[in-house]
């Protein structure tokens, strides 16, 4: 749709080529370890890199298939200040197959998503993604995981030229690689080291009925990230610290350029609490530094995130989050935006197979170079009925308002849908 569908590098930097090769080699080695693993078992240590459901998923050799079919009505199919009502359908599907156990496994994932509007066909979207993951517990206190992924998409959007709305379509490919090393340091302390790389390749934008020749409107970009996190658990509390560095190499388009390369560095102290009644509280405080190409912008800013969950009487549960950070992907700015967002949600189960939930949010996004401010607020209400163990019916309504100050753009969106979701 409109503003979220943007951004993205030029040719892969030498350091990225090295990471892709090493990640691929690590993935192959851990895949081989899954099939050639010794039959002897060891006592499992802490699992800093294994996904939470690894053991449960490994217990079943059958593939897991999920899918959903949604029928939506919206008053703002173009996601702009020109409200156009339309109906659209959204189809999603995913397949996951895993081999191995909690000490070593290989996993394949595939998913797709297709949206189709009854009348506003310029907004139709399609995407397909595949990934391969391998995990190996090398010793009781050392774990390795590698992931390779690929996603291709075709995104429909619109370009407003005075009173004219022109449909556009753009193809995008994303190649990704990630390696994680988890180390049990003893005394309920774990260390996770991570390296990740993604390369986003954007095609030329094609215009509806070809009144304009295809043109490159969005930049290719290469994102390379290094991160480390140390965590110690003490009873119901967990304390830790994390550090990360993100290097973005972005293709230059136009003059002045529409998109800019940047480096971002983050340091955070973290704490979490989980009570015996199911209450949770998480807190992260730190600093984030962003530097744009040619030193066009460089600044340290405080970064934070607070999350909580609290069971309430009569089966209700209250959840919330509030964070502030740089936003470098979903932004209309050539460099980045400063994003603050608060969310609050409450839900309960009226019956064993019927649940309801409602939530509100407020978001403030300051563009760093354009000096535009985007204010968004919204509310949603949802009901979920579990028709069987493998099928659910969902009814949901979202209402959002967006104001962009400098360009004086005001958007009001209502989206209501009914969905059928299944898991095999």
Protein backbone atom coordinates (compact mmCIF):
# COMPACT_ATOMS: atom_id res chain seq x y z
CA UNK A 1 0.00 0.00 0.00
CA UNK A 2 1.27 3.56 0.04
CA UNK A 3 3.74 4.93 2.58
CA UNK A 4 4.83 1.60 4.13
CA UNK A 5 5.87 0.26 0.72
CA UNK A 6 9.24 1.85 0.28
CA UNK A 7 12.89 1.76 1.05
CA UNK A 8 15.13 -0.67 0.57
CA UNK A 9 21.35 -1.43 -1.78
CA UNK A 10 23.80 -1.46 -4.27
CA UNK A 11 26.24 -4.27 -4.99
CA UNK A 12 26.97 -6.49 -2.02
CA UNK A 13 29.89 -5.16 -0.03
CA UNK A 14 32.95 -7.44 0.32
CA UNK A 15 32.22 -8.05 4.01
CA UNK A 16 28.71 -9.20 3.02
CA UNK A 17 30.02 -11.67 0.47
CA UNK A 18 32.23 -13.14 3.20
CA UNK A 19 29.29 -13.46 5.58
CA UNK A 20 27.08 -15.10 2.93
CA UNK A 21 29.78 -17.67 2.24
CA UNK A 22 30.45 -18.33 5.93
CA UNK A 23 26.74 -18.50 6.79
CA UNK A 24 26.14 -20.92 3.95
CA UNK A 25 29.09 -23.04 5.08
CA UNK A 26 27.85 -22.98 8.68
CA UNK A 27 24.39 -24.01 7.52
CA UNK A 28 25.76 -26.93 5.52
CA UNK A 29 27.92 -28.07 8.45
CA UNK A 30 25.04 -27.97 10.90
CA UNK A 31 22.80 -29.77 8.39
CA UNK A 32 25.42 -32.49 8.15
CA UNK A 33 25.61 -32.62 11.92
CA UNK A 34 21.88 -33.32 12.06
CA UNK A 35 22.18 -36.41 9.89
CA UNK A 36 25.54 -37.62 11.20
CA UNK A 37 24.95 -36.84 14.88
CA UNK A 38 26.09 -39.49 17.36
CA UNK A 39 23.28 -41.44 18.97
CA UNK A 40 24.48 -40.76 22.51
CA UNK A 41 22.49 -38.13 24.41
CA UNK A 42 23.76 -35.44 26.73
CA UNK A 43 22.11 -33.35 29.38
CA UNK A 44 20.81 -30.20 27.65
CA UNK A 45 22.19 -26.89 28.83
CA UNK A 46 20.57 -23.51 28.59
CA UNK A 47 19.15 -22.83 25.13
CA UNK A 48 20.07 -19.30 24.15
CA UNK A 49 19.64 -19.84 20.43
CA UNK A 50 17.04 -22.60 20.09
CA UNK A 51 13.54 -21.38 19.23
CA UNK A 52 11.00 -21.81 22.06
CA UNK A 53 9.03 -24.50 20.25
CA UNK A 54 12.05 -26.41 18.98
CA UNK A 55 11.54 -29.47 21.12
CA UNK A 56 7.80 -29.67 20.51
CA UNK A 57 8.21 -29.23 16.77
CA UNK A 58 11.04 -31.77 16.62
CA UNK A 59 8.83 -34.38 18.27
CA UNK A 60 6.60 -34.61 15.19
CA UNK A 61 8.05 -35.61 11.79
CA UNK A 62 4.91 -34.45 9.95
CA UNK A 63 4.87 -31.09 8.18
CA UNK A 64 2.86 -28.25 9.72
CA UNK A 65 0.55 -26.44 7.28
CA UNK A 66 -1.28 -23.25 8.18
CA UNK A 67 -3.51 -21.05 6.06
CA UNK A 68 -6.04 -18.25 6.28
CA UNK A 69 -8.58 -16.68 3.97
CA UNK A 70 -9.78 -13.18 4.84
CA UNK A 71 -12.49 -11.02 3.31
CA UNK A 72 -11.99 -7.29 3.99
CA UNK A 73 -13.89 -4.07 3.50
CA UNK A 74 -12.01 -0.79 3.68
CA UNK A 75 -12.92 2.83 3.15
CA UNK A 76 -9.34 3.67 2.12
CA UNK A 77 -8.08 1.19 -0.45
CA UNK A 78 -5.38 3.63 -1.65
CA UNK A 79 -4.02 4.35 1.85
CA UNK A 80 -4.13 8.08 1.16
CA UNK A 81 -6.19 11.19 1.91
CA UNK A 82 -8.39 10.25 -1.06
CA UNK A 83 -10.78 7.74 0.44
CA UNK A 84 -11.79 4.99 -1.98
CA UNK A 85 -13.98 2.18 -0.59
CA UNK A 86 -13.47 -1.36 -1.80
CA UNK A 87 -13.65 -5.04 -0.87
CA UNK A 88 -10.56 -7.23 -1.06
CA UNK A 89 -9.53 -10.79 -0.30
CA UNK A 90 -6.34 -11.86 1.46
CA UNK A 91 -4.98 -15.40 1.23
CA UNK A 92 -2.05 -16.64 3.31
CA UNK A 93 -0.38 -20.00 3.60
CA UNK A 94 2.70 -21.51 5.25
CA UNK A 95 4.45 -24.88 5.32
CA UNK A 96 7.05 -25.98 7.87
CA UNK A 97 8.96 -29.25 7.90
CA UNK A 98 11.51 -30.18 10.53
CA UNK A 99 13.86 -33.12 10.95
CA UNK A 100 15.89 -33.96 14.04
CA UNK A 101 15.45 -33.28 17.74
CA UNK A 102 16.25 -30.62 20.31
CA UNK A 103 20.00 -31.30 20.04
CA UNK A 104 20.20 -30.97 16.26
CA UNK A 105 17.63 -30.27 13.60
CA UNK A 106 17.12 -28.92 10.11
CA UNK A 107 14.03 -26.95 9.19
CA UNK A 108 12.50 -25.78 5.91
CA UNK A 109 9.87 -23.06 5.74
CA UNK A 110 7.79 -21.70 2.87
CA UNK A 111 5.02 -19.10 2.91
CA UNK A 112 2.99 -16.99 0.50
CA UNK A 113 0.53 -14.11 0.62
CA UNK A 114 -1.83 -12.81 -2.08
CA UNK A 115 -4.23 -9.87 -1.87
CA UNK A 116 -6.83 -9.03 -4.52
CA UNK A 117 -9.09 -5.97 -4.63
CA UNK A 118 -12.48 -6.18 -6.31
CA UNK A 119 -12.08 -2.84 -8.11
CA UNK A 120 -8.82 -1.16 -7.04
CA UNK A 121 -6.62 -3.80 -8.68
CA UNK A 122 -3.59 -1.45 -8.71
CA UNK A 123 -3.24 -2.29 -4.99
CA UNK A 124 -2.99 -6.08 -5.48
CA UNK A 125 0.08 -7.63 -3.81
CA UNK A 126 1.83 -11.01 -4.06
CA UNK A 127 4.77 -12.47 -2.10
CA UNK A 128 6.55 -15.82 -1.73
CA UNK A 129 9.27 -16.72 0.75
CA UNK A 130 11.44 -19.75 1.55
CA UNK A 131 14.02 -20.33 4.27
CA UNK A 132 16.29 -23.08 5.53
CA UNK A 133 17.47 -23.29 9.13
CA UNK A 134 19.88 -25.65 10.86
CA UNK A 135 20.57 -25.91 14.58
CA UNK A 136 23.21 -27.93 16.41
CA UNK A 137 24.06 -28.21 20.11
CA UNK A 138 27.82 -28.71 19.74
CA UNK A 139 28.42 -29.31 23.47
CA UNK A 140 26.17 -28.99 26.54
CA UNK A 141 27.07 -25.29 26.69
CA UNK A 142 27.57 -24.34 23.04
CA UNK A 143 24.93 -23.98 20.31
CA UNK A 144 25.09 -22.94 16.66
CA UNK A 145 22.30 -21.92 14.33
CA UNK A 146 22.41 -20.82 10.68
CA UNK A 147 19.62 -19.53 8.44
CA UNK A 148 19.36 -18.74 4.74
CA UNK A 149 16.26 -17.05 3.32
CA UNK A 150 14.85 -15.69 0.07
CA UNK A 151 11.70 -13.66 -0.57
CA UNK A 152 10.22 -12.28 -3.77
CA UNK A 153 7.27 -9.91 -3.97
CA UNK A 154 5.24 -7.82 -6.39
CA UNK A 155 3.74 -4.72 -4.78
CA UNK A 156 0.93 -2.60 -6.17
CA UNK A 157 0.70 1.03 -5.16
CA UNK A 158 -0.45 4.39 -6.47
CA UNK A 159 1.17 7.69 -7.39
CA UNK A 160 -0.87 10.89 -7.07
CA UNK A 161 -0.16 13.50 -9.75
CA UNK A 162 -2.50 16.41 -9.10
CA UNK A 163 -6.04 15.08 -9.49
CA UNK A 164 -4.75 11.94 -11.26
CA UNK A 165 -4.11 8.66 -9.43
CA UNK A 166 -1.68 6.46 -11.35
CA UNK A 167 -1.22 2.79 -10.48
CA UNK A 168 2.31 1.46 -10.03
CA UNK A 169 3.88 -1.98 -9.63
CA UNK A 170 7.31 -2.90 -8.32
CA UNK A 171 9.14 -6.23 -7.91
CA UNK A 172 11.43 -6.87 -4.96
CA UNK A 173 13.82 -9.65 -3.97
CA UNK A 174 15.40 -10.10 -0.53
CA UNK A 175 18.30 -12.50 0.13
CA UNK A 176 19.21 -13.10 3.77
CA UNK A 177 21.76 -15.02 5.85
CA UNK A 178 22.17 -15.24 9.61
CA UNK A 179 24.49 -17.05 12.00
CA UNK A 180 24.01 -17.29 15.78
CA UNK A 181 26.32 -18.74 18.41
CA UNK A 182 24.94 -19.35 21.90
CA UNK A 183 27.30 -19.94 24.83
CA UNK A 184 26.33 -21.08 28.33
CA UNK A 185 28.73 -19.22 30.66
CA UNK A 186 27.50 -20.98 33.78
CA UNK A 187 25.73 -19.52 36.81
CA UNK A 188 22.51 -19.13 34.73
CA UNK A 189 24.34 -16.77 32.36
CA UNK A 190 24.26 -17.01 28.56
CA UNK A 191 25.94 -15.13 25.72
CA UNK A 192 24.56 -14.87 22.18
CA UNK A 193 26.73 -13.67 19.27
CA UNK A 194 25.03 -12.92 15.96
CA UNK A 195 25.95 -11.87 12.43
CA UNK A 196 23.28 -11.20 9.79
CA UNK A 197 23.21 -9.89 6.26
CA UNK A 198 20.41 -9.08 3.83
CA UNK A 199 20.45 -7.79 0.29
CA UNK A 200 17.33 -6.07 -1.06
CA UNK A 201 17.04 -5.83 -4.84
CA UNK A 202 14.31 -3.56 -6.21
CA UNK A 203 13.15 -3.64 -9.82
CA UNK A 204 12.03 -0.70 -11.92
CA UNK A 205 8.58 0.70 -11.14
CA UNK A 206 6.03 0.09 -13.91
CA UNK A 207 3.14 2.51 -14.38
CA UNK A 208 -0.47 1.63 -15.14
CA UNK A 209 -1.19 1.63 -18.93
CA UNK A 210 2.46 2.67 -19.54
CA UNK A 211 2.02 6.48 -19.82
CA UNK A 212 5.57 6.74 -18.43
CA UNK A 213 8.56 4.51 -19.10
CA UNK A 214 9.51 2.21 -16.20
CA UNK A 215 11.84 3.97 -13.75
CA UNK A 216 13.83 3.07 -10.65
CA UNK A 217 12.09 4.83 -7.75
CA UNK A 218 13.39 2.82 -4.79
CA UNK A 219 16.97 1.96 -3.90
CA UNK A 220 18.66 -1.40 -3.54
CA UNK A 221 20.34 -1.77 -0.19
CA UNK A 222 22.65 -4.08 1.72
CA UNK A 223 22.18 -4.42 5.51
CA UNK A 224 24.97 -6.01 7.53
CA UNK A 225 24.54 -6.39 11.30
CA UNK A 226 26.63 -7.62 14.22
CA UNK A 227 25.10 -8.11 17.67
CA UNK A 228 25.89 -9.53 21.10
CA UNK A 229 23.66 -10.09 24.13
CA UNK A 230 24.52 -11.38 27.61
CA UNK A 231 21.77 -12.45 30.01
CA UNK A 232 21.76 -13.71 33.59
CA UNK A 233 18.74 -15.25 35.32
CA UNK A 234 18.22 -14.85 39.06
CA UNK A 235 15.02 -16.52 40.22
CA UNK A 236 12.08 -14.68 38.62
CA UNK A 237 14.36 -11.95 37.27
CA UNK A 238 16.63 -11.75 34.24
CA UNK A 239 19.26 -9.06 33.70
CA UNK A 240 21.38 -8.39 30.67
CA UNK A 241 23.04 -6.06 28.21
CA UNK A 242 23.17 -5.94 24.44
CA UNK A 243 25.18 -4.18 21.73
CA UNK A 244 24.64 -4.05 17.99
CA UNK A 245 26.03 -2.36 14.89
CA UNK A 246 24.13 -1.98 11.61
CA UNK A 247 25.86 -0.94 8.37
CA UNK A 248 23.58 0.00 5.46
CA UNK A 249 24.96 0.46 1.96
CA UNK A 250 22.23 2.13 -0.09
CA UNK A 251 22.10 2.75 -3.83
CA UNK A 252 22.09 6.44 -4.79
CA UNK A 253 19.13 7.47 -6.91
CA UNK A 254 18.65 11.04 -8.11
CA UNK A 255 20.30 14.24 -6.99
CA UNK A 256 19.96 15.09 -4.22
CA UNK A 257 19.66 11.36 -3.51
CA UNK A 258 16.28 9.94 -2.53
CA UNK A 259 17.91 7.46 -0.13
CA UNK A 260 21.10 7.55 1.93
CA UNK A 261 23.53 5.02 3.37
CA UNK A 262 23.97 5.00 7.14
CA UNK A 263 25.57 3.31 10.16
CA UNK A 264 23.67 2.71 13.40
CA UNK A 265 25.01 1.59 16.80
CA UNK A 266 22.96 0.58 19.86
CA UNK A 267 23.87 -0.13 23.51
CA UNK A 268 21.17 -1.27 25.95
CA UNK A 269 20.76 -2.56 29.49
CA UNK A 270 17.85 -4.96 29.90
CA UNK A 271 15.80 -6.43 32.76
CA UNK A 272 12.79 -8.74 32.87
CA UNK A 273 10.50 -10.16 35.55
CA UNK A 274 7.98 -13.00 35.46
CA UNK A 275 5.66 -13.42 38.45
CA UNK A 276 4.08 -16.60 39.75
CA UNK A 277 0.64 -15.29 38.69
CA UNK A 278 1.76 -14.89 35.06
CA UNK A 279 2.58 -11.18 35.31
CA UNK A 280 5.49 -10.03 33.16
CA UNK A 281 7.54 -6.84 33.00
CA UNK A 282 10.37 -6.00 30.63
CA UNK A 283 12.56 -2.91 30.57
CA UNK A 284 15.34 -1.88 28.18
CA UNK A 285 17.23 1.42 28.39
CA UNK A 286 20.18 2.59 26.34
CA UNK A 287 21.52 4.85 23.65
CA UNK A 288 21.43 4.72 19.86
CA UNK A 289 23.78 6.50 17.45
CA UNK A 290 22.91 7.14 13.80
CA UNK A 291 25.29 8.55 11.19
CA UNK A 292 24.15 9.32 7.66
CA UNK A 293 26.25 9.31 4.50
CA UNK A 294 28.64 12.26 4.11
CA UNK A 295 27.95 13.14 7.78
CA UNK A 296 24.63 14.69 6.76
CA UNK A 297 23.30 13.64 10.15
CA UNK A 298 24.90 12.18 13.27
CA UNK A 299 23.41 12.06 16.71
CA UNK A 300 23.11 9.98 19.88
CA UNK A 301 19.60 9.52 21.23
CA UNK A 302 18.21 7.63 24.23
CA UNK A 303 16.37 4.44 23.31
CA UNK A 304 13.92 2.56 25.48
CA UNK A 305 11.29 -0.15 25.56
CA UNK A 306 8.84 -1.06 28.31
CA UNK A 307 6.54 -4.08 28.04
CA UNK A 308 4.16 -5.63 30.54
CA UNK A 309 1.45 -8.24 30.89
CA UNK A 310 -0.95 -8.56 33.82
CA UNK A 311 -3.70 -11.14 34.44
CA UNK A 312 -6.85 -9.46 35.77
CA UNK A 313 -9.94 -10.80 37.56
CA UNK A 314 -12.62 -12.68 35.60
CA UNK A 315 -10.09 -14.05 33.10
CA UNK A 316 -9.05 -10.72 31.59
CA UNK A 317 -5.44 -9.97 30.63
CA UNK A 318 -3.88 -6.55 30.10
CA UNK A 319 -0.79 -6.07 27.90
CA UNK A 320 1.11 -2.99 26.84
CA UNK A 321 4.33 -1.65 25.36
CA UNK A 322 6.02 1.70 24.88
CA UNK A 323 9.24 2.26 22.94
CA UNK A 324 11.39 4.89 21.28
CA UNK A 325 14.04 4.23 18.62
CA UNK A 326 15.34 5.13 15.17
CA UNK A 327 13.23 3.72 12.32
CA UNK A 328 15.31 3.06 9.20
CA UNK A 329 13.01 0.81 7.13
CA UNK A 330 9.42 2.00 7.28
CA UNK A 331 10.03 5.71 6.75
CA UNK A 332 9.32 8.38 4.12
CA UNK A 333 12.59 10.13 4.97
CA UNK A 334 15.75 9.66 2.84
CA UNK A 335 17.65 8.64 5.98
CA UNK A 336 15.43 7.62 8.90
CA UNK A 337 12.79 8.72 11.39
CA UNK A 338 12.64 8.92 15.16
CA UNK A 339 9.76 6.69 16.23
CA UNK A 340 7.80 6.59 19.48
CA UNK A 341 4.88 4.19 19.87
CA UNK A 342 2.61 3.14 22.73
CA UNK A 343 0.17 0.20 22.66
CA UNK A 344 -2.38 -1.09 25.15
CA UNK A 345 -4.46 -4.25 24.73
CA UNK A 346 -7.01 -6.12 26.86
CA UNK A 347 -8.52 -9.52 26.15
CA UNK A 348 -10.43 -12.36 27.71
CA UNK A 349 -12.10 -15.68 26.92
CA UNK A 350 -15.88 -15.61 27.26
CA UNK A 351 -15.96 -19.35 26.75
CA UNK A 352 -13.34 -22.02 26.19
CA UNK A 353 -13.64 -21.56 22.41
CA UNK A 354 -14.54 -17.85 22.24
CA UNK A 355 -12.16 -14.99 22.93
CA UNK A 356 -12.40 -11.23 22.51
CA UNK A 357 -9.75 -8.51 22.53
CA UNK A 358 -9.46 -4.78 21.97
CA UNK A 359 -6.53 -2.40 21.79
CA UNK A 360 -5.40 1.14 21.11
CA UNK A 361 -2.13 2.67 19.91
CA UNK A 362 -0.53 6.07 19.43
CA UNK A 363 2.52 6.63 17.23
CA UNK A 364 4.71 9.67 16.66
CA UNK A 365 7.23 9.58 13.80
CA UNK A 366 9.61 12.50 13.21
CA UNK A 367 11.41 12.52 9.84
CA UNK A 368 15.05 13.46 10.45
CA UNK A 369 15.78 15.33 7.19
CA UNK A 370 12.33 16.24 5.84
CA UNK A 371 11.34 17.64 9.27
CA UNK A 372 7.85 16.26 8.71
CA UNK A 373 5.99 14.74 11.65
CA UNK A 374 3.59 11.84 11.23
CA UNK A 375 1.03 11.21 13.96
CA UNK A 376 -1.00 8.01 13.97
CA UNK A 377 -3.56 6.67 16.38
CA UNK A 378 -5.93 3.76 16.16
CA UNK A 379 -8.19 1.27 17.85
CA UNK A 380 -9.18 -2.30 17.09
CA UNK A 381 -11.70 -4.88 18.30
CA UNK A 382 -11.48 -8.62 17.59
CA UNK A 383 -13.40 -11.81 18.32
CA UNK A 384 -12.02 -15.32 17.74
CA UNK A 385 -14.13 -18.46 17.70
CA UNK A 386 -12.35 -21.83 17.71
CA UNK A 387 -14.65 -23.98 15.59
CA UNK A 388 -12.36 -27.00 16.11
CA UNK A 389 -8.81 -27.79 17.20
CA UNK A 390 -7.52 -26.94 13.74
CA UNK A 391 -9.90 -24.19 12.57
CA UNK A 392 -10.85 -20.73 13.85
CA UNK A 393 -13.10 -17.89 12.68
CA UNK A 394 -11.92 -14.31 13.32
CA UNK A 395 -13.91 -11.08 13.11
CA UNK A 396 -11.95 -7.82 13.42
CA UNK A 397 -12.32 -4.06 12.90
CA UNK A 398 -9.42 -1.54 12.73
CA UNK A 399 -9.86 2.24 12.75
CA UNK A 400 -6.80 4.47 12.16
CA UNK A 401 -6.14 8.19 11.73
CA UNK A 402 -2.91 9.64 10.31
CA UNK A 403 -1.78 13.27 10.12
CA UNK A 404 1.38 14.38 8.25
CA UNK A 405 2.17 17.92 9.31
CA UNK A 406 4.40 19.47 6.64
CA UNK A 407 2.52 18.11 3.62
CA UNK A 408 -0.83 18.58 5.42
CA UNK A 409 -2.00 15.05 4.63
CA UNK A 410 -4.86 13.61 6.69
CA UNK A 411 -5.92 9.97 6.36
CA UNK A 412 -8.81 8.13 7.97
CA UNK A 413 -8.99 4.38 7.49
CA UNK A 414 -11.50 1.72 8.50
CA UNK A 415 -10.77 -1.93 7.78
CA UNK A 416 -13.16 -4.72 8.77
CA UNK A 417 -12.74 -8.38 7.94
CA UNK A 418 -13.87 -11.92 8.64
CA UNK A 419 -11.27 -14.66 8.38
CA UNK A 420 -11.12 -18.44 8.36
CA UNK A 421 -7.83 -19.78 9.73
CA UNK A 422 -6.74 -23.41 9.68
CA UNK A 423 -3.78 -25.49 10.87
CA UNK A 424 -3.10 -29.02 9.67
